[in-house]
N, C-alpha and C. Protein backbone atom coordinates (compact mmCIF):
# COMPACT_ATOMS: atom_id res chain seq x y z
N UNK A 1 49.41 38.66 -107.82
CA UNK A 1 50.04 39.80 -107.17
C UNK A 1 50.07 41.02 -108.10
N UNK A 2 49.29 40.99 -109.16
CA UNK A 2 49.31 42.08 -110.11
C UNK A 2 48.82 43.40 -109.52
N UNK A 3 47.90 43.34 -108.58
CA UNK A 3 47.31 44.55 -108.03
C UNK A 3 47.93 44.95 -106.70
N UNK A 4 49.06 44.32 -106.33
CA UNK A 4 49.68 44.62 -105.05
C UNK A 4 50.03 46.09 -104.89
N UNK A 5 50.64 46.68 -105.91
CA UNK A 5 51.07 48.07 -105.76
C UNK A 5 49.88 48.99 -105.51
N UNK A 6 48.79 48.76 -106.21
CA UNK A 6 47.59 49.58 -106.01
C UNK A 6 47.03 49.38 -104.61
N UNK A 7 46.96 48.13 -104.18
CA UNK A 7 46.42 47.84 -102.84
C UNK A 7 47.29 48.47 -101.75
N UNK A 8 48.61 48.32 -101.87
CA UNK A 8 49.48 48.86 -100.84
C UNK A 8 49.47 50.39 -100.84
N UNK A 9 49.36 51.00 -102.01
CA UNK A 9 49.27 52.47 -102.07
C UNK A 9 47.98 52.94 -101.39
N UNK A 10 46.89 52.26 -101.68
CA UNK A 10 45.59 52.57 -101.09
C UNK A 10 45.62 52.41 -99.57
N UNK A 11 46.07 51.25 -99.10
CA UNK A 11 46.11 50.99 -97.66
C UNK A 11 47.05 51.97 -96.96
N UNK A 12 48.19 52.23 -97.57
CA UNK A 12 49.13 53.19 -97.00
C UNK A 12 48.53 54.58 -96.87
N UNK A 13 47.83 55.01 -97.91
CA UNK A 13 47.21 56.34 -97.87
C UNK A 13 46.15 56.42 -96.78
N UNK A 14 45.36 55.37 -96.63
CA UNK A 14 44.30 55.37 -95.61
C UNK A 14 44.88 55.35 -94.20
N UNK A 15 46.06 54.75 -94.02
CA UNK A 15 46.70 54.72 -92.71
C UNK A 15 47.49 55.99 -92.42
N UNK A 16 47.90 56.69 -93.46
CA UNK A 16 48.76 57.87 -93.27
C UNK A 16 47.98 59.19 -93.23
N UNK A 17 47.02 59.35 -94.11
CA UNK A 17 46.31 60.62 -94.23
C UNK A 17 45.07 60.66 -93.33
N UNK A 18 44.75 61.84 -92.85
CA UNK A 18 43.56 62.03 -92.02
C UNK A 18 42.31 61.63 -92.80
N UNK A 19 41.35 61.01 -92.14
CA UNK A 19 40.17 60.50 -92.83
C UNK A 19 39.28 61.59 -93.44
N UNK A 20 39.42 62.80 -92.98
CA UNK A 20 38.61 63.89 -93.54
C UNK A 20 39.39 64.71 -94.57
N UNK A 21 40.60 64.27 -94.89
CA UNK A 21 41.38 64.98 -95.91
C UNK A 21 40.73 64.78 -97.28
N UNK A 22 40.95 65.72 -98.15
CA UNK A 22 40.40 65.67 -99.50
C UNK A 22 40.81 64.37 -100.20
N UNK A 23 42.09 63.99 -100.06
CA UNK A 23 42.60 62.78 -100.72
C UNK A 23 41.85 61.53 -100.26
N UNK A 24 41.64 61.40 -98.96
CA UNK A 24 40.98 60.20 -98.45
C UNK A 24 39.50 60.18 -98.84
N UNK A 25 38.84 61.30 -98.77
CA UNK A 25 37.43 61.35 -99.17
C UNK A 25 37.27 60.97 -100.64
N UNK A 26 38.14 61.50 -101.50
CA UNK A 26 38.11 61.12 -102.92
C UNK A 26 38.37 59.63 -103.09
N UNK A 27 39.36 59.13 -102.36
CA UNK A 27 39.71 57.72 -102.42
C UNK A 27 38.54 56.83 -102.00
N UNK A 28 37.89 57.18 -100.91
CA UNK A 28 36.75 56.40 -100.43
C UNK A 28 35.60 56.43 -101.44
N UNK A 29 35.37 57.59 -102.04
CA UNK A 29 34.32 57.68 -103.06
C UNK A 29 34.63 56.78 -104.26
N UNK A 30 35.90 56.75 -104.68
CA UNK A 30 36.29 55.88 -105.80
C UNK A 30 36.17 54.40 -105.42
N UNK A 31 36.56 54.08 -104.19
CA UNK A 31 36.48 52.69 -103.74
C UNK A 31 35.05 52.19 -103.71
N UNK A 32 34.13 53.07 -103.38
CA UNK A 32 32.72 52.65 -103.29
C UNK A 32 32.16 52.28 -104.67
N UNK A 33 32.87 52.62 -105.74
CA UNK A 33 32.44 52.32 -107.11
C UNK A 33 33.10 51.06 -107.67
N UNK A 34 33.97 50.41 -106.89
CA UNK A 34 34.73 49.25 -107.38
C UNK A 34 33.88 47.99 -107.43
N UNK A 35 34.45 46.96 -108.03
CA UNK A 35 33.78 45.66 -108.12
C UNK A 35 34.21 44.71 -107.00
N UNK A 36 34.99 45.19 -106.07
CA UNK A 36 35.50 44.36 -104.98
C UNK A 36 34.67 44.60 -103.72
N UNK A 37 34.03 43.55 -103.23
CA UNK A 37 33.11 43.69 -102.09
C UNK A 37 33.81 44.21 -100.83
N UNK A 38 35.03 43.73 -100.56
CA UNK A 38 35.76 44.20 -99.37
C UNK A 38 36.06 45.69 -99.45
N UNK A 39 36.49 46.15 -100.62
CA UNK A 39 36.79 47.57 -100.78
C UNK A 39 35.53 48.43 -100.69
N UNK A 40 34.44 47.93 -101.24
CA UNK A 40 33.17 48.65 -101.14
C UNK A 40 32.74 48.77 -99.68
N UNK A 41 32.85 47.67 -98.93
CA UNK A 41 32.48 47.70 -97.51
C UNK A 41 33.36 48.66 -96.72
N UNK A 42 34.67 48.63 -97.00
CA UNK A 42 35.59 49.55 -96.31
C UNK A 42 35.23 51.00 -96.63
N UNK A 43 34.97 51.27 -97.90
CA UNK A 43 34.60 52.63 -98.31
C UNK A 43 33.31 53.07 -97.63
N UNK A 44 32.33 52.19 -97.59
CA UNK A 44 31.06 52.54 -96.94
C UNK A 44 31.26 52.83 -95.46
N UNK A 45 32.09 52.04 -94.79
CA UNK A 45 32.37 52.30 -93.38
C UNK A 45 33.00 53.68 -93.20
N UNK A 46 33.92 54.03 -94.09
CA UNK A 46 34.56 55.33 -94.01
C UNK A 46 33.63 56.48 -94.33
N UNK A 47 32.76 56.28 -95.31
CA UNK A 47 31.86 57.35 -95.73
C UNK A 47 30.65 57.50 -94.81
N UNK A 48 30.23 56.42 -94.16
CA UNK A 48 29.02 56.47 -93.34
C UNK A 48 29.29 56.76 -91.87
N UNK A 49 30.54 56.68 -91.44
CA UNK A 49 30.88 56.96 -90.04
C UNK A 49 31.01 58.47 -89.86
N UNK A 50 30.51 58.96 -88.75
CA UNK A 50 30.61 60.38 -88.42
C UNK A 50 32.06 60.84 -88.52
N UNK A 51 32.30 61.94 -89.24
CA UNK A 51 33.67 62.40 -89.48
C UNK A 51 34.42 62.69 -88.18
N UNK A 52 33.74 63.19 -87.16
CA UNK A 52 34.42 63.47 -85.90
C UNK A 52 34.89 62.18 -85.23
N UNK A 53 34.11 61.10 -85.37
CA UNK A 53 34.53 59.80 -84.82
C UNK A 53 35.76 59.27 -85.55
N UNK A 54 35.77 59.41 -86.87
CA UNK A 54 36.93 58.98 -87.65
C UNK A 54 38.16 59.78 -87.28
N UNK A 55 38.00 61.09 -87.16
CA UNK A 55 39.13 61.95 -86.80
C UNK A 55 39.69 61.58 -85.43
N UNK A 56 38.80 61.36 -84.46
CA UNK A 56 39.25 60.98 -83.12
C UNK A 56 40.00 59.65 -83.14
N UNK A 57 39.47 58.69 -83.87
CA UNK A 57 40.11 57.38 -83.96
C UNK A 57 41.47 57.50 -84.66
N UNK A 58 41.51 58.24 -85.75
CA UNK A 58 42.76 58.44 -86.47
C UNK A 58 43.81 59.08 -85.57
N UNK A 59 43.42 60.13 -84.85
CA UNK A 59 44.37 60.82 -83.98
C UNK A 59 44.87 59.88 -82.88
N UNK A 60 43.95 59.16 -82.26
CA UNK A 60 44.33 58.25 -81.17
C UNK A 60 45.25 57.13 -81.66
N UNK A 61 44.95 56.57 -82.83
CA UNK A 61 45.67 55.39 -83.32
C UNK A 61 46.91 55.72 -84.14
N UNK A 62 46.84 56.74 -84.98
CA UNK A 62 47.84 56.89 -86.03
C UNK A 62 48.56 58.23 -86.08
N UNK A 63 48.14 59.21 -85.31
CA UNK A 63 48.75 60.51 -85.44
C UNK A 63 49.10 61.15 -84.10
N UNK A 64 48.38 60.82 -83.08
CA UNK A 64 48.51 61.51 -81.80
C UNK A 64 49.89 61.45 -81.20
N UNK A 65 50.00 62.12 -80.09
CA UNK A 65 51.25 62.05 -79.35
C UNK A 65 50.91 61.64 -77.93
N UNK A 66 51.92 61.36 -77.16
CA UNK A 66 51.66 60.89 -75.81
C UNK A 66 51.39 59.40 -75.80
N UNK A 67 50.42 58.99 -75.02
CA UNK A 67 50.12 57.57 -74.86
C UNK A 67 49.24 57.06 -76.00
N UNK A 68 49.87 56.52 -77.01
CA UNK A 68 49.15 55.94 -78.15
C UNK A 68 49.10 54.43 -77.95
N UNK A 69 47.96 53.80 -78.20
CA UNK A 69 47.87 52.35 -78.01
C UNK A 69 48.68 51.56 -79.05
N UNK A 70 48.80 52.11 -80.25
CA UNK A 70 49.50 51.38 -81.32
C UNK A 70 50.17 52.38 -82.26
N UNK A 71 51.27 52.99 -81.82
CA UNK A 71 51.93 53.98 -82.68
C UNK A 71 52.25 53.38 -84.05
N UNK A 72 52.14 54.16 -85.11
CA UNK A 72 52.33 53.63 -86.45
C UNK A 72 53.79 53.54 -86.90
N UNK A 73 54.73 53.90 -86.05
CA UNK A 73 56.14 53.93 -86.42
C UNK A 73 56.86 52.66 -85.96
N UNK A 74 57.57 52.04 -86.85
CA UNK A 74 58.29 50.81 -86.54
C UNK A 74 59.24 50.95 -85.37
N UNK A 75 59.89 52.09 -85.26
CA UNK A 75 60.87 52.28 -84.18
C UNK A 75 60.23 52.24 -82.80
N UNK A 76 58.95 52.55 -82.69
CA UNK A 76 58.27 52.47 -81.39
C UNK A 76 58.24 51.03 -80.88
N UNK A 77 58.29 50.07 -81.79
CA UNK A 77 58.25 48.65 -81.44
C UNK A 77 59.64 48.01 -81.43
N UNK A 78 60.49 48.43 -82.35
CA UNK A 78 61.76 47.74 -82.57
C UNK A 78 62.94 48.36 -81.85
N UNK A 79 62.80 49.58 -81.36
CA UNK A 79 63.88 50.22 -80.60
C UNK A 79 63.69 49.88 -79.12
N UNK A 80 64.76 49.49 -78.45
CA UNK A 80 64.63 49.02 -77.07
C UNK A 80 64.10 50.08 -76.11
N UNK A 81 64.18 51.35 -76.49
CA UNK A 81 63.62 52.42 -75.66
C UNK A 81 62.32 52.97 -76.25
N UNK A 82 61.79 52.30 -77.25
CA UNK A 82 60.58 52.75 -77.96
C UNK A 82 60.74 54.16 -78.53
N UNK A 83 61.96 54.52 -78.89
CA UNK A 83 62.26 55.88 -79.34
C UNK A 83 61.94 56.04 -80.82
N UNK A 84 61.20 57.10 -81.15
CA UNK A 84 61.02 57.45 -82.55
C UNK A 84 62.37 57.91 -83.08
N UNK A 85 62.60 57.71 -84.35
CA UNK A 85 63.90 57.97 -84.97
C UNK A 85 64.98 57.09 -84.34
N UNK A 86 64.60 55.92 -83.84
CA UNK A 86 65.53 54.99 -83.21
C UNK A 86 66.34 54.22 -84.25
N UNK A 87 67.02 53.19 -83.79
CA UNK A 87 67.94 52.43 -84.65
C UNK A 87 67.23 51.80 -85.85
N UNK A 88 66.00 51.33 -85.66
CA UNK A 88 65.30 50.72 -86.80
C UNK A 88 64.94 51.77 -87.86
N UNK A 89 64.65 53.00 -87.43
CA UNK A 89 64.40 54.08 -88.40
C UNK A 89 65.67 54.36 -89.19
N UNK A 90 66.79 54.40 -88.49
CA UNK A 90 68.08 54.66 -89.14
C UNK A 90 68.41 53.55 -90.14
N UNK A 91 68.14 52.30 -89.76
CA UNK A 91 68.35 51.17 -90.68
C UNK A 91 67.46 51.30 -91.92
N UNK A 92 66.20 51.66 -91.70
CA UNK A 92 65.27 51.80 -92.82
C UNK A 92 65.69 52.95 -93.73
N UNK A 93 66.10 54.06 -93.13
CA UNK A 93 66.57 55.21 -93.92
C UNK A 93 67.78 54.81 -94.76
N UNK A 94 68.71 54.04 -94.18
CA UNK A 94 69.89 53.58 -94.92
C UNK A 94 69.48 52.68 -96.08
N UNK A 95 68.48 51.82 -95.86
CA UNK A 95 67.95 50.95 -96.91
C UNK A 95 67.42 51.80 -98.07
N UNK A 96 66.64 52.82 -97.75
CA UNK A 96 66.10 53.70 -98.80
C UNK A 96 67.22 54.45 -99.51
N UNK A 97 68.20 54.93 -98.75
CA UNK A 97 69.32 55.66 -99.33
C UNK A 97 70.09 54.78 -100.32
N UNK A 98 70.31 53.51 -99.96
CA UNK A 98 70.98 52.57 -100.87
C UNK A 98 70.22 52.43 -102.18
N UNK A 99 68.91 52.59 -102.12
CA UNK A 99 68.08 52.48 -103.32
C UNK A 99 67.98 53.81 -104.06
N UNK A 100 68.58 54.85 -103.49
CA UNK A 100 68.50 56.17 -104.11
C UNK A 100 67.15 56.83 -103.92
N UNK A 101 66.45 56.47 -102.85
CA UNK A 101 65.11 56.98 -102.58
C UNK A 101 65.13 57.81 -101.31
N UNK A 102 64.51 58.96 -101.36
CA UNK A 102 64.33 59.78 -100.16
C UNK A 102 62.84 59.83 -99.84
N UNK A 103 62.53 59.69 -98.58
CA UNK A 103 61.14 59.76 -98.14
C UNK A 103 60.97 61.08 -97.40
N UNK A 104 60.62 62.11 -98.14
CA UNK A 104 60.50 63.44 -97.56
C UNK A 104 59.06 63.91 -97.67
N UNK A 105 58.38 63.97 -96.53
CA UNK A 105 56.99 64.40 -96.52
C UNK A 105 56.85 65.90 -96.29
N UNK A 106 57.99 66.56 -96.06
CA UNK A 106 57.95 67.98 -95.75
C UNK A 106 57.75 68.25 -94.27
N UNK A 107 57.63 67.20 -93.49
CA UNK A 107 57.46 67.34 -92.04
C UNK A 107 58.57 66.55 -91.36
N UNK A 108 58.90 66.94 -90.15
CA UNK A 108 59.91 66.19 -89.41
C UNK A 108 59.21 65.01 -88.74
N UNK A 109 59.28 63.88 -89.41
CA UNK A 109 58.64 62.67 -88.89
C UNK A 109 59.46 61.47 -89.32
N UNK A 110 59.40 60.39 -88.55
CA UNK A 110 60.13 59.18 -88.94
C UNK A 110 59.58 58.60 -90.24
N UNK A 111 60.48 58.09 -91.05
CA UNK A 111 60.08 57.48 -92.33
C UNK A 111 59.40 56.14 -92.14
N UNK A 112 59.51 55.56 -90.93
CA UNK A 112 59.00 54.21 -90.73
C UNK A 112 57.55 54.18 -90.24
N UNK A 113 56.77 55.16 -90.65
CA UNK A 113 55.31 55.14 -90.43
C UNK A 113 54.75 54.04 -91.33
N UNK A 114 53.88 53.21 -90.80
CA UNK A 114 53.36 52.07 -91.57
C UNK A 114 52.71 52.52 -92.89
N UNK A 115 52.01 53.64 -92.88
CA UNK A 115 51.39 54.13 -94.10
C UNK A 115 52.42 54.52 -95.14
N UNK A 116 53.47 55.24 -94.71
CA UNK A 116 54.54 55.62 -95.64
C UNK A 116 55.26 54.39 -96.17
N UNK A 117 55.47 53.41 -95.30
CA UNK A 117 56.17 52.20 -95.73
C UNK A 117 55.35 51.42 -96.76
N UNK A 118 54.05 51.36 -96.58
CA UNK A 118 53.20 50.69 -97.56
C UNK A 118 53.22 51.42 -98.89
N UNK A 119 53.22 52.75 -98.84
CA UNK A 119 53.28 53.52 -100.09
C UNK A 119 54.64 53.35 -100.76
N UNK A 120 55.72 53.25 -99.97
CA UNK A 120 57.05 53.01 -100.53
C UNK A 120 57.11 51.61 -101.15
N UNK A 121 56.47 50.65 -100.51
CA UNK A 121 56.38 49.31 -101.07
C UNK A 121 55.70 49.36 -102.44
N UNK A 122 54.65 50.14 -102.55
CA UNK A 122 53.95 50.30 -103.83
C UNK A 122 54.89 50.85 -104.90
N UNK A 123 55.71 51.83 -104.52
CA UNK A 123 56.68 52.41 -105.47
C UNK A 123 57.64 51.34 -105.97
N UNK A 124 58.18 50.53 -105.06
CA UNK A 124 59.12 49.48 -105.46
C UNK A 124 58.44 48.45 -106.36
N UNK A 125 57.21 48.10 -106.06
CA UNK A 125 56.49 47.14 -106.90
C UNK A 125 56.20 47.73 -108.27
N UNK A 126 55.89 49.02 -108.33
CA UNK A 126 55.65 49.67 -109.62
C UNK A 126 56.92 49.71 -110.46
N UNK A 127 58.08 49.79 -109.79
CA UNK A 127 59.37 49.75 -110.49
C UNK A 127 59.79 48.32 -110.81
N UNK A 128 58.94 47.37 -110.44
CA UNK A 128 59.20 45.94 -110.62
C UNK A 128 60.48 45.51 -109.91
N UNK A 129 60.76 46.13 -108.77
CA UNK A 129 61.91 45.80 -107.94
C UNK A 129 61.44 44.90 -106.80
N UNK A 130 61.08 43.69 -107.17
CA UNK A 130 60.51 42.76 -106.20
C UNK A 130 61.51 42.34 -105.13
N UNK A 131 62.78 42.28 -105.47
CA UNK A 131 63.80 41.89 -104.48
C UNK A 131 63.81 42.89 -103.33
N UNK A 132 63.89 44.17 -103.64
CA UNK A 132 63.91 45.18 -102.58
C UNK A 132 62.54 45.37 -101.94
N UNK A 133 61.48 45.14 -102.69
CA UNK A 133 60.14 45.17 -102.09
C UNK A 133 60.03 44.08 -101.02
N UNK A 134 60.54 42.90 -101.34
CA UNK A 134 60.51 41.80 -100.38
C UNK A 134 61.39 42.09 -99.17
N UNK A 135 62.54 42.73 -99.38
CA UNK A 135 63.39 43.13 -98.26
C UNK A 135 62.69 44.15 -97.37
N UNK A 136 62.03 45.11 -97.99
CA UNK A 136 61.29 46.11 -97.20
C UNK A 136 60.27 45.41 -96.31
N UNK A 137 59.54 44.47 -96.89
CA UNK A 137 58.49 43.77 -96.14
C UNK A 137 59.09 42.91 -95.04
N UNK A 138 60.05 42.06 -95.39
CA UNK A 138 60.56 41.09 -94.42
C UNK A 138 61.45 41.70 -93.35
N UNK A 139 62.26 42.69 -93.70
CA UNK A 139 63.23 43.25 -92.76
C UNK A 139 62.71 44.46 -91.99
N UNK A 140 61.89 45.27 -92.64
CA UNK A 140 61.52 46.55 -92.03
C UNK A 140 60.05 46.67 -91.65
N UNK A 141 59.15 46.04 -92.36
CA UNK A 141 57.72 46.23 -92.13
C UNK A 141 57.09 45.13 -91.27
N UNK A 142 57.23 43.90 -91.66
CA UNK A 142 56.56 42.82 -90.94
C UNK A 142 57.06 42.58 -89.51
N UNK A 143 58.31 42.92 -89.18
CA UNK A 143 58.73 42.72 -87.78
C UNK A 143 57.88 43.49 -86.77
N UNK A 144 57.17 44.53 -87.21
CA UNK A 144 56.29 45.25 -86.27
C UNK A 144 54.84 45.32 -86.74
N UNK A 145 54.59 45.17 -88.03
CA UNK A 145 53.25 45.42 -88.58
C UNK A 145 52.18 44.50 -88.00
N UNK A 146 52.49 43.23 -87.85
CA UNK A 146 51.50 42.29 -87.32
C UNK A 146 51.06 42.73 -85.93
N UNK A 147 52.02 42.99 -85.08
CA UNK A 147 51.74 43.40 -83.70
C UNK A 147 50.95 44.71 -83.68
N UNK A 148 51.40 45.69 -84.44
CA UNK A 148 50.75 47.01 -84.47
C UNK A 148 49.32 46.92 -84.98
N UNK A 149 49.12 46.19 -86.08
CA UNK A 149 47.78 46.10 -86.68
C UNK A 149 46.81 45.29 -85.81
N UNK A 150 47.31 44.28 -85.11
CA UNK A 150 46.45 43.53 -84.20
C UNK A 150 46.00 44.41 -83.03
N UNK A 151 46.90 45.23 -82.50
CA UNK A 151 46.52 46.16 -81.43
C UNK A 151 45.53 47.19 -81.98
N UNK A 152 45.79 47.68 -83.18
CA UNK A 152 44.90 48.67 -83.79
C UNK A 152 43.49 48.12 -83.92
N UNK A 153 43.37 46.88 -84.35
CA UNK A 153 42.05 46.27 -84.49
C UNK A 153 41.32 46.25 -83.15
N UNK A 154 42.03 45.89 -82.09
CA UNK A 154 41.42 45.80 -80.76
C UNK A 154 41.09 47.16 -80.17
N UNK A 155 41.90 48.17 -80.45
CA UNK A 155 41.75 49.46 -79.79
C UNK A 155 40.98 50.49 -80.61
N UNK A 156 40.70 50.20 -81.86
CA UNK A 156 39.95 51.14 -82.69
C UNK A 156 38.53 51.27 -82.17
N UNK A 157 38.02 52.48 -82.18
CA UNK A 157 36.65 52.73 -81.77
C UNK A 157 35.67 52.64 -82.94
N UNK A 158 36.17 52.82 -84.16
CA UNK A 158 35.29 52.79 -85.33
C UNK A 158 35.48 51.49 -86.10
N UNK A 159 34.41 51.05 -86.72
CA UNK A 159 34.49 49.85 -87.56
C UNK A 159 35.41 50.07 -88.75
N UNK A 160 35.51 51.33 -89.21
CA UNK A 160 36.38 51.63 -90.35
C UNK A 160 37.83 51.27 -90.03
N UNK A 161 38.34 51.74 -88.91
CA UNK A 161 39.75 51.47 -88.59
C UNK A 161 39.96 50.02 -88.16
N UNK A 162 38.95 49.38 -87.60
CA UNK A 162 39.05 47.94 -87.32
C UNK A 162 39.19 47.19 -88.64
N UNK A 163 38.32 47.50 -89.59
CA UNK A 163 38.35 46.83 -90.89
C UNK A 163 39.64 47.14 -91.64
N UNK A 164 40.11 48.38 -91.56
CA UNK A 164 41.35 48.75 -92.24
C UNK A 164 42.53 47.96 -91.69
N UNK A 165 42.58 47.78 -90.38
CA UNK A 165 43.69 47.01 -89.80
C UNK A 165 43.62 45.54 -90.24
N UNK A 166 42.43 44.97 -90.26
CA UNK A 166 42.26 43.57 -90.68
C UNK A 166 42.64 43.40 -92.15
N UNK A 167 42.15 44.29 -92.99
CA UNK A 167 42.42 44.21 -94.42
C UNK A 167 43.91 44.38 -94.71
N UNK A 168 44.55 45.34 -94.03
CA UNK A 168 45.98 45.58 -94.24
C UNK A 168 46.80 44.36 -93.83
N UNK A 169 46.53 43.82 -92.66
CA UNK A 169 47.28 42.65 -92.20
C UNK A 169 47.02 41.44 -93.11
N UNK A 170 45.79 41.28 -93.53
CA UNK A 170 45.47 40.18 -94.44
C UNK A 170 46.21 40.30 -95.76
N UNK A 171 46.26 41.52 -96.30
CA UNK A 171 46.94 41.73 -97.57
C UNK A 171 48.44 41.52 -97.42
N UNK A 172 49.03 41.99 -96.32
CA UNK A 172 50.46 41.76 -96.07
C UNK A 172 50.77 40.27 -95.92
N UNK A 173 49.94 39.56 -95.18
CA UNK A 173 50.16 38.12 -95.01
C UNK A 173 50.04 37.37 -96.33
N UNK A 174 49.07 37.75 -97.15
CA UNK A 174 48.92 37.13 -98.46
C UNK A 174 50.14 37.42 -99.34
N UNK A 175 50.61 38.66 -99.31
CA UNK A 175 51.81 39.02 -100.08
C UNK A 175 52.99 38.16 -99.64
N UNK A 176 53.20 38.03 -98.33
CA UNK A 176 54.32 37.23 -97.81
C UNK A 176 54.19 35.77 -98.24
N UNK A 177 52.99 35.25 -98.15
CA UNK A 177 52.76 33.85 -98.54
C UNK A 177 53.06 33.64 -100.02
N UNK A 178 52.54 34.52 -100.86
CA UNK A 178 52.75 34.37 -102.30
C UNK A 178 54.21 34.60 -102.70
N UNK A 179 54.90 35.49 -101.99
CA UNK A 179 56.31 35.77 -102.29
C UNK A 179 57.25 34.78 -101.62
N UNK A 180 56.73 33.98 -100.69
CA UNK A 180 57.55 33.02 -99.98
C UNK A 180 58.55 33.67 -99.04
N UNK A 181 58.13 34.76 -98.39
CA UNK A 181 59.02 35.47 -97.47
C UNK A 181 58.44 35.45 -96.06
N UNK A 182 59.32 35.65 -95.10
CA UNK A 182 58.94 35.65 -93.69
C UNK A 182 59.48 36.91 -93.03
N UNK A 183 58.84 37.32 -91.98
CA UNK A 183 59.33 38.47 -91.21
C UNK A 183 60.65 38.11 -90.56
N UNK A 184 61.60 39.02 -90.66
CA UNK A 184 62.87 38.83 -89.97
C UNK A 184 62.60 38.80 -88.47
N UNK A 185 63.23 37.88 -87.78
CA UNK A 185 63.03 37.76 -86.33
C UNK A 185 63.67 38.96 -85.62
N UNK A 186 62.84 39.78 -85.04
CA UNK A 186 63.31 40.94 -84.28
C UNK A 186 62.47 41.04 -83.03
N UNK A 187 63.08 41.47 -81.98
CA UNK A 187 62.36 41.61 -80.72
C UNK A 187 61.44 42.83 -80.78
N UNK A 188 60.24 42.65 -80.28
CA UNK A 188 59.28 43.75 -80.18
C UNK A 188 59.30 44.24 -78.73
N UNK A 189 59.63 45.52 -78.55
CA UNK A 189 59.77 46.09 -77.21
C UNK A 189 58.50 46.80 -76.73
N UNK A 190 57.50 46.91 -77.57
CA UNK A 190 56.29 47.64 -77.19
C UNK A 190 55.52 46.84 -76.15
N UNK A 191 55.08 47.52 -75.13
CA UNK A 191 54.31 46.88 -74.07
C UNK A 191 52.85 47.30 -74.20
N UNK A 192 51.97 46.32 -74.19
CA UNK A 192 50.54 46.58 -74.31
C UNK A 192 49.97 46.79 -72.91
N UNK A 193 49.15 47.84 -72.78
CA UNK A 193 48.50 48.11 -71.48
C UNK A 193 47.42 47.11 -71.21
């Protein structure tokens, strides 16, 4: 689990930032130089796919508004009205506040975006705060992440976002297995079309 923080920061950034942003393009270029076959394949998918296709997929899956097949915010799944900034967002915000951490992106958006949560997990792991990292995963992230990422894999139009969803879920499951933690049992209110 030595590289967990790097992996979660990377996966979080790819799920949060637009695929044509300077940060993501730089990240994909660096990944294509790695010694890890999965990361190289993911980078190649991102770099070789038409940028307009990536942008459309990103908007539909992770940024858009209206009818999204797999919104990236935990509250869309865990709040009984599928409300953003719902009770699960408030619980997650309180968790971060207890840790003395503020998640301020400069935009009015829920903190429980899967990409932001993965990057926050990386921060906790870098601080060697495994207890709170495990709480973040078991209580706030995994109760919706499996469902969301499985829908994302099915509904993605590009191989890049299909692969990203598979890799993210695989890495989260491996982390849970190695840490000996399980997702807290919470009802998922999201309805699949």
